[in-house]
C-alpha atoms as a PDB file:
ATOM      1  CA  MET A   1      47.175 -52.957  83.087  1.00  0.00           C
ATOM      2  CA  ARG A   2      43.952 -52.342  84.972  1.00  0.00           C
ATOM      3  CA  SER A   3      40.968 -53.859  83.186  1.00  0.00           C
ATOM      4  CA  ASN A   4      38.918 -51.330  81.249  1.00  0.00           C
ATOM      5  CA  PRO A   5      35.183 -52.061  80.916  1.00  0.00           C
ATOM      6  CA  GLU A   6      35.427 -51.012  77.269  1.00  0.00           C
ATOM      7  CA  GLY A   7      37.975 -53.780  76.730  1.00  0.00           C
ATOM      8  CA  GLU A   8      41.059 -51.734  75.896  1.00  0.00           C
ATOM      9  CA  GLY A   9      43.141 -48.904  77.234  1.00  0.00           C
ATOM     10  CA  TRP A  10      44.146 -47.955  80.739  1.00  0.00           C
ATOM     11  CA  VAL A  11      41.998 -46.893  83.694  1.00  0.00           C
ATOM     12  CA  PRO A  12      43.750 -44.445  86.026  1.00  0.00           C
ATOM     13  CA  ASN A  13      43.934 -44.883  89.784  1.00  0.00           C
ATOM     14  CA  ILE A  14      41.606 -42.409  91.542  1.00  0.00           C
ATOM     15  CA  THR A  15      42.893 -43.002  95.080  1.00  0.00           C
ATOM     16  CA  GLN A  16      45.480 -40.995  96.987  1.00  0.00           C
ATOM     17  CA  ALA A  17      48.216 -43.168  95.505  1.00  0.00           C
ATOM     18  CA  ALA A  18      47.748 -41.275  92.239  1.00  0.00           C
ATOM     19  CA  LEU A  19      45.812 -38.154  93.252  1.00  0.00           C
ATOM     20  CA  LYS A  20      47.817 -37.085  96.309  1.00  0.00           C
ATOM     21  CA  ASP A  21      48.809 -33.808  94.608  1.00  0.00           C
ATOM     22  CA  TYR A  22      45.236 -33.018  93.506  1.00  0.00           C
ATOM     23  CA  SER A  23      43.357 -30.627  95.758  1.00  0.00           C
ATOM     24  CA  ASP A  24      39.615 -30.840  96.275  1.00  0.00           C
ATOM     25  CA  LYS A  25      39.406 -27.817  93.961  1.00  0.00           C
ATOM     26  CA  ASP A  26      41.378 -29.699  91.265  1.00  0.00           C
ATOM     27  CA  ILE A  27      38.953 -32.631  91.436  1.00  0.00           C
ATOM     28  CA  VAL A  28      35.914 -30.326  91.339  1.00  0.00           C
ATOM     29  CA  TYR A  29      37.386 -28.667  88.227  1.00  0.00           C
ATOM     30  CA  LEU A  30      38.005 -32.054  86.599  1.00  0.00           C
ATOM     31  CA  LEU A  31      34.428 -33.184  87.332  1.00  0.00           C
ATOM     32  CA  GLU A  32      33.095 -29.970  85.795  1.00  0.00           C
ATOM     33  CA  THR A  33      35.345 -29.603  82.750  1.00  0.00           C
ATOM     34  CA  GLY A  34      37.077 -32.935  82.145  1.00  0.00           C
ATOM     35  CA  ASN A  35      40.459 -31.180  82.354  1.00  0.00           C
ATOM     36  CA  THR A  36      43.244 -32.199  84.728  1.00  0.00           C
ATOM     37  CA  PRO A  37      45.510 -29.756  86.579  1.00  0.00           C
ATOM     38  CA  GLU A  38      48.322 -30.873  84.231  1.00  0.00           C
ATOM     39  CA  GLY A  39      46.393 -29.645  81.183  1.00  0.00           C
ATOM     40  CA  ASP A  40      45.348 -33.086  79.975  1.00  0.00           C
ATOM     41  CA  SER A  41      41.736 -34.119  79.472  1.00  0.00           C
ATOM     42  CA  VAL A  42      39.857 -37.275  80.282  1.00  0.00           C
ATOM     43  CA  GLY A  43      38.476 -39.455  77.538  1.00  0.00           C
ATOM     44  CA  GLY A  44      37.046 -42.847  76.834  1.00  0.00           C
ATOM     45  CA  ALA A  45      34.480 -44.027  79.363  1.00  0.00           C
ATOM     46  CA  MET A  46      35.029 -40.868  81.456  1.00  0.00           C
ATOM     47  CA  ALA A  47      33.614 -38.541  78.773  1.00  0.00           C
ATOM     48  CA  PRO A  48      29.970 -39.451  79.510  1.00  0.00           C
ATOM     49  CA  VAL A  49      30.716 -39.283  83.245  1.00  0.00           C
ATOM     50  CA  ILE A  50      31.978 -35.708  82.854  1.00  0.00           C
ATOM     51  CA  ARG A  51      28.929 -34.810  80.757  1.00  0.00           C
ATOM     52  CA  ASN A  52      26.841 -35.866  83.755  1.00  0.00           C
ATOM     53  CA  THR A  53      28.993 -34.483  86.583  1.00  0.00           C
ATOM     54  CA  SER A  54      29.237 -31.142  84.789  1.00  0.00           C
ATOM     55  CA  GLN A  55      25.451 -30.837  85.220  1.00  0.00           C
ATOM     56  CA  LEU A  56      25.614 -31.301  89.000  1.00  0.00           C
ATOM     57  CA  THR A  57      25.567 -28.406  91.409  1.00  0.00           C
ATOM     58  CA  PRO A  58      28.946 -27.097  92.548  1.00  0.00           C
ATOM     59  CA  GLN A  59      28.104 -28.408  96.028  1.00  0.00           C
ATOM     60  CA  ASP A  60      27.555 -31.934  94.687  1.00  0.00           C
ATOM     61  CA  ARG A  61      30.887 -31.868  92.822  1.00  0.00           C
ATOM     62  CA  GLU A  62      32.568 -30.607  96.015  1.00  0.00           C
ATOM     63  CA  ALA A  63      31.032 -33.488  97.986  1.00  0.00           C
ATOM     64  CA  MET A  64      32.319 -35.956  95.378  1.00  0.00           C
ATOM     65  CA  ALA A  65      35.798 -34.441  95.589  1.00  0.00           C
ATOM     66  CA  VAL A  66      35.847 -34.725  99.382  1.00  0.00           C
ATOM     67  CA  TYR A  67      34.804 -38.369  99.091  1.00  0.00           C
ATOM     68  CA  ILE A  68      37.420 -39.177  96.442  1.00  0.00           C
ATOM     69  CA  LYS A  69      40.130 -37.505  98.566  1.00  0.00           C
ATOM     70  CA  SER A  70      39.015 -39.607 101.563  1.00  0.00           C
ATOM     71  CA  LEU A  71      39.706 -42.911  99.801  1.00  0.00           C
ATOM     72  CA  PRO A  72      42.760 -44.733 101.134  1.00  0.00           C
ATOM     73  CA  PRO A  73      45.730 -45.028  98.788  1.00  0.00           C
ATOM     74  CA  VAL A  74      45.686 -48.165  96.670  1.00  0.00           C
ATOM     75  CA  GLU A  75      48.704 -48.953  94.543  1.00  0.00           C
ATOM     76  CA  GLY A  76      47.830 -49.987  91.045  1.00  0.00           C
ATOM     77  CA  PRO A  77      49.411 -50.341  87.646  1.00  0.00           C
ATOM     78  CA  LYS A  78      51.378 -47.342  86.430  1.00  0.00           C
ATOM     79  CA  LYS A  79      50.253 -45.465  83.350  1.00  0.00           C
ATOM     80  CA  PRO A  80      51.835 -47.009  80.258  1.00  0.00           C
ATOM     81  CA  GLU A  81      54.309 -44.841  78.392  1.00  0.00           C
ATOM     82  CA  LYS A  82      53.114 -43.387  75.103  1.00  0.00           C
ATOM     83  CA  ARG A  83      54.617 -45.056  72.067  1.00  0.00           C
END
């Protein structure tokens, strides 16, 4: 499990290893709304991040998405199954 700064839970991989199917538009939408293309929503430490990124200009969110999509794939721990 990837270490979470809050001390518990799982931190998802935001490189192309996990986001390869996300378009720039998907990432912009996530940064604005906190909702994923799959219909899930972010939580935990990401909630305050989304509160802030939702206040950015659309151009700033687009620039962030382009940057995130440019990151090389890094394999990491898989998301744990829900119990």
